[in-house]
Amino acid sequence: MIEGIGLEYFLILSTIVFFTGIYGFLTRKNLITILMSTELILNAVNINFVAFNKYLYPEKLEGQFFALFVIAIAATEVAVAIAIIISLYRRLKTIDVEKANEMKY
């Protein structure tokens, strides 16, 4: 099924997902939404890893291993970010980015 789909379609999908993540990261003020946008960016990278691996080296699995590594790092990043967001919410009763600079002290 995937053999009939060209590499350019995966790159177009990855580009759309990547720039959706960039747009969400730069325009949102909610920390949870910013975290979700970061996940979109990482998923676009995973699409590229898997697509290039399939079309350049179909007999090897390096792209899939890199994608799994990125997913593991993303899970760790989410755990740390959620802990920081919960701490911020307990202290300030908001998760607005503009109020986050008050947590310095």
C-alpha atoms as a PDB file:
ATOM      1  CA  MET A   1       0.000   0.000   0.000  1.00  0.00           C
ATOM      2  CA  ILE A   2       2.745   2.468   0.899  1.00  0.00           C
ATOM      3  CA  GLU A   3       4.796   1.541  -2.179  1.00  0.00           C
ATOM      4  CA  GLY A   4       2.566   3.651  -4.442  1.00  0.00           C
ATOM      5  CA  ILE A   5       3.027   6.812  -2.393  1.00  0.00           C
ATOM      6  CA  GLY A   6       5.968   8.988  -3.379  1.00  0.00           C
ATOM      7  CA  LEU A   7       8.451  10.561  -0.998  1.00  0.00           C
ATOM      8  CA  GLU A   8       7.213  14.043  -1.888  1.00  0.00           C
ATOM      9  CA  TYR A   9       3.821  13.314  -0.301  1.00  0.00           C
ATOM     10  CA  PHE A  10       5.448  12.393   2.989  1.00  0.00           C
ATOM     11  CA  LEU A  11       7.557  15.537   2.824  1.00  0.00           C
ATOM     12  CA  ILE A  12       4.489  17.684   2.155  1.00  0.00           C
ATOM     13  CA  LEU A  13       2.669  16.110   5.108  1.00  0.00           C
ATOM     14  CA  SER A  14       5.709  16.563   7.318  1.00  0.00           C
ATOM     15  CA  THR A  15       6.048  20.199   6.275  1.00  0.00           C
ATOM     16  CA  ILE A  16       2.389  20.906   7.048  1.00  0.00           C
ATOM     17  CA  VAL A  17       2.657  19.254  10.469  1.00  0.00           C
ATOM     18  CA  PHE A  18       5.949  21.040  11.217  1.00  0.00           C
ATOM     19  CA  PHE A  19       4.685  24.512  10.362  1.00  0.00           C
ATOM     20  CA  THR A  20       1.422  23.884  12.212  1.00  0.00           C
ATOM     21  CA  GLY A  21       3.563  23.161  15.266  1.00  0.00           C
ATOM     22  CA  ILE A  22       5.686  26.265  14.708  1.00  0.00           C
ATOM     23  CA  TYR A  23       2.565  28.410  14.328  1.00  0.00           C
ATOM     24  CA  GLY A  24       1.057  27.009  17.506  1.00  0.00           C
ATOM     25  CA  PHE A  25       4.320  27.449  19.401  1.00  0.00           C
ATOM     26  CA  LEU A  26       4.694  31.094  18.413  1.00  0.00           C
ATOM     27  CA  THR A  27       1.080  32.251  18.723  1.00  0.00           C
ATOM     28  CA  ARG A  28      -0.336  30.479  21.783  1.00  0.00           C
ATOM     29  CA  LYS A  29      -0.088  31.678  25.370  1.00  0.00           C
ATOM     30  CA  ASN A  30      -1.239  28.497  27.098  1.00  0.00           C
ATOM     31  CA  LEU A  31       1.655  26.274  28.206  1.00  0.00           C
ATOM     32  CA  ILE A  32      -0.235  23.060  27.445  1.00  0.00           C
ATOM     33  CA  THR A  33      -0.888  24.212  23.876  1.00  0.00           C
ATOM     34  CA  ILE A  34       2.767  25.142  23.461  1.00  0.00           C
ATOM     35  CA  LEU A  35       3.724  21.675  24.683  1.00  0.00           C
ATOM     36  CA  MET A  36       1.347  20.092  22.145  1.00  0.00           C
ATOM     37  CA  SER A  37       2.879  22.235  19.407  1.00  0.00           C
ATOM     38  CA  THR A  38       6.328  20.968  20.357  1.00  0.00           C
ATOM     39  CA  GLU A  39       5.011  17.426  20.019  1.00  0.00           C
ATOM     40  CA  LEU A  40       3.746  18.246  16.522  1.00  0.00           C
ATOM     41  CA  ILE A  41       7.214  19.447  15.561  1.00  0.00           C
ATOM     42  CA  LEU A  42       8.788  16.239  16.865  1.00  0.00           C
ATOM     43  CA  ASN A  43       6.211  14.130  15.016  1.00  0.00           C
ATOM     44  CA  ALA A  44       7.073  15.918  11.771  1.00  0.00           C
ATOM     45  CA  VAL A  45      10.697  14.928  12.344  1.00  0.00           C
ATOM     46  CA  ASN A  46       9.606  11.325  12.909  1.00  0.00           C
ATOM     47  CA  ILE A  47       7.707  11.321   9.617  1.00  0.00           C
ATOM     48  CA  ASN A  48      10.878  12.464   7.857  1.00  0.00           C
ATOM     49  CA  PHE A  49      13.024   9.814   9.555  1.00  0.00           C
ATOM     50  CA  VAL A  50      10.708   6.985   8.566  1.00  0.00           C
ATOM     51  CA  ALA A  51      10.038   8.266   5.038  1.00  0.00           C
ATOM     52  CA  PHE A  52      13.685   8.830   4.148  1.00  0.00           C
ATOM     53  CA  ASN A  53      14.644   5.487   5.631  1.00  0.00           C
ATOM     54  CA  LYS A  54      12.000   3.711   3.560  1.00  0.00           C
ATOM     55  CA  TYR A  55      13.023   5.340   0.288  1.00  0.00           C
ATOM     56  CA  LEU A  56      16.802   5.461   0.727  1.00  0.00           C
ATOM     57  CA  TYR A  57      17.547   2.296   2.720  1.00  0.00           C
ATOM     58  CA  PRO A  58      14.449   0.049   2.681  1.00  0.00           C
ATOM     59  CA  GLU A  59      16.342  -2.977   4.004  1.00  0.00           C
ATOM     60  CA  LYS A  60      17.575  -1.172   7.133  1.00  0.00           C
ATOM     61  CA  LEU A  61      15.661   0.127  10.148  1.00  0.00           C
ATOM     62  CA  GLU A  62      17.703   3.123  11.275  1.00  0.00           C
ATOM     63  CA  GLY A  63      14.897   5.603  10.579  1.00  0.00           C
ATOM     64  CA  GLN A  64      12.480   3.654  12.739  1.00  0.00           C
ATOM     65  CA  PHE A  65      15.034   3.409  15.553  1.00  0.00           C
ATOM     66  CA  PHE A  66      15.663   7.150  15.424  1.00  0.00           C
ATOM     67  CA  ALA A  67      11.906   7.745  15.483  1.00  0.00           C
ATOM     68  CA  LEU A  68      11.552   5.512  18.557  1.00  0.00           C
ATOM     69  CA  PHE A  69      14.401   7.397  20.226  1.00  0.00           C
ATOM     70  CA  VAL A  70      12.688  10.732  19.483  1.00  0.00           C
ATOM     71  CA  ILE A  71       9.419   9.374  20.912  1.00  0.00           C
ATOM     72  CA  ALA A  72      11.229   8.311  24.109  1.00  0.00           C
ATOM     73  CA  ILE A  73      12.875  11.723  24.463  1.00  0.00           C
ATOM     74  CA  ALA A  74       9.518  13.416  23.801  1.00  0.00           C
ATOM     75  CA  ALA A  75       7.869  11.361  26.545  1.00  0.00           C
ATOM     76  CA  THR A  76      10.568  12.437  28.989  1.00  0.00           C
ATOM     77  CA  GLU A  77      10.202  16.044  27.885  1.00  0.00           C
ATOM     78  CA  VAL A  78       6.441  15.897  28.425  1.00  0.00           C
ATOM     79  CA  ALA A  79       6.853  14.465  31.932  1.00  0.00           C
ATOM     80  CA  VAL A  80       9.230  17.253  32.958  1.00  0.00           C
ATOM     81  CA  ALA A  81       7.132  19.955  31.278  1.00  0.00           C
ATOM     82  CA  ILE A  82       3.913  18.771  32.928  1.00  0.00           C
ATOM     83  CA  ALA A  83       5.657  18.806  36.330  1.00  0.00           C
ATOM     84  CA  ILE A  84       6.769  22.389  35.720  1.00  0.00           C
ATOM     85  CA  ILE A  85       3.297  23.401  34.520  1.00  0.00           C
ATOM     86  CA  ILE A  86       1.649  21.852  37.599  1.00  0.00           C
ATOM     87  CA  SER A  87       4.099  23.664  39.858  1.00  0.00           C
ATOM     88  CA  LEU A  88       3.390  26.923  38.059  1.00  0.00           C
ATOM     89  CA  TYR A  89      -0.355  26.391  38.319  1.00  0.00           C
ATOM     90  CA  ARG A  90      -0.163  25.646  42.054  1.00  0.00           C
ATOM     91  CA  ARG A  91       1.771  28.830  42.666  1.00  0.00           C
ATOM     92  CA  LEU A  92       0.074  31.297  40.294  1.00  0.00           C
ATOM     93  CA  LYS A  93      -3.313  29.635  39.564  1.00  0.00           C
ATOM     94  CA  THR A  94      -2.710  30.109  35.828  1.00  0.00           C
ATOM     95  CA  ILE A  95      -0.739  28.485  33.031  1.00  0.00           C
ATOM     96  CA  ASP A  96      -0.397  31.633  30.958  1.00  0.00           C
ATOM     97  CA  VAL A  97       3.067  32.150  29.464  1.00  0.00           C
ATOM     98  CA  GLU A  98       3.081  35.861  30.235  1.00  0.00           C
ATOM     99  CA  LYS A  99       2.774  35.139  33.981  1.00  0.00           C
ATOM    100  CA  ALA A 100       5.499  32.482  33.945  1.00  0.00           C
ATOM    101  CA  ASN A 101       8.292  34.996  34.521  1.00  0.00           C
ATOM    102  CA  GLU A 102       6.937  35.515  38.055  1.00  0.00           C
ATOM    103  CA  MET A 103       8.140  32.050  39.073  1.00  0.00           C
ATOM    104  CA  LYS A 104      11.794  33.119  39.053  1.00  0.00           C
ATOM    105  CA  TYR A 105      11.961  33.722  42.809  1.00  0.00           C
END
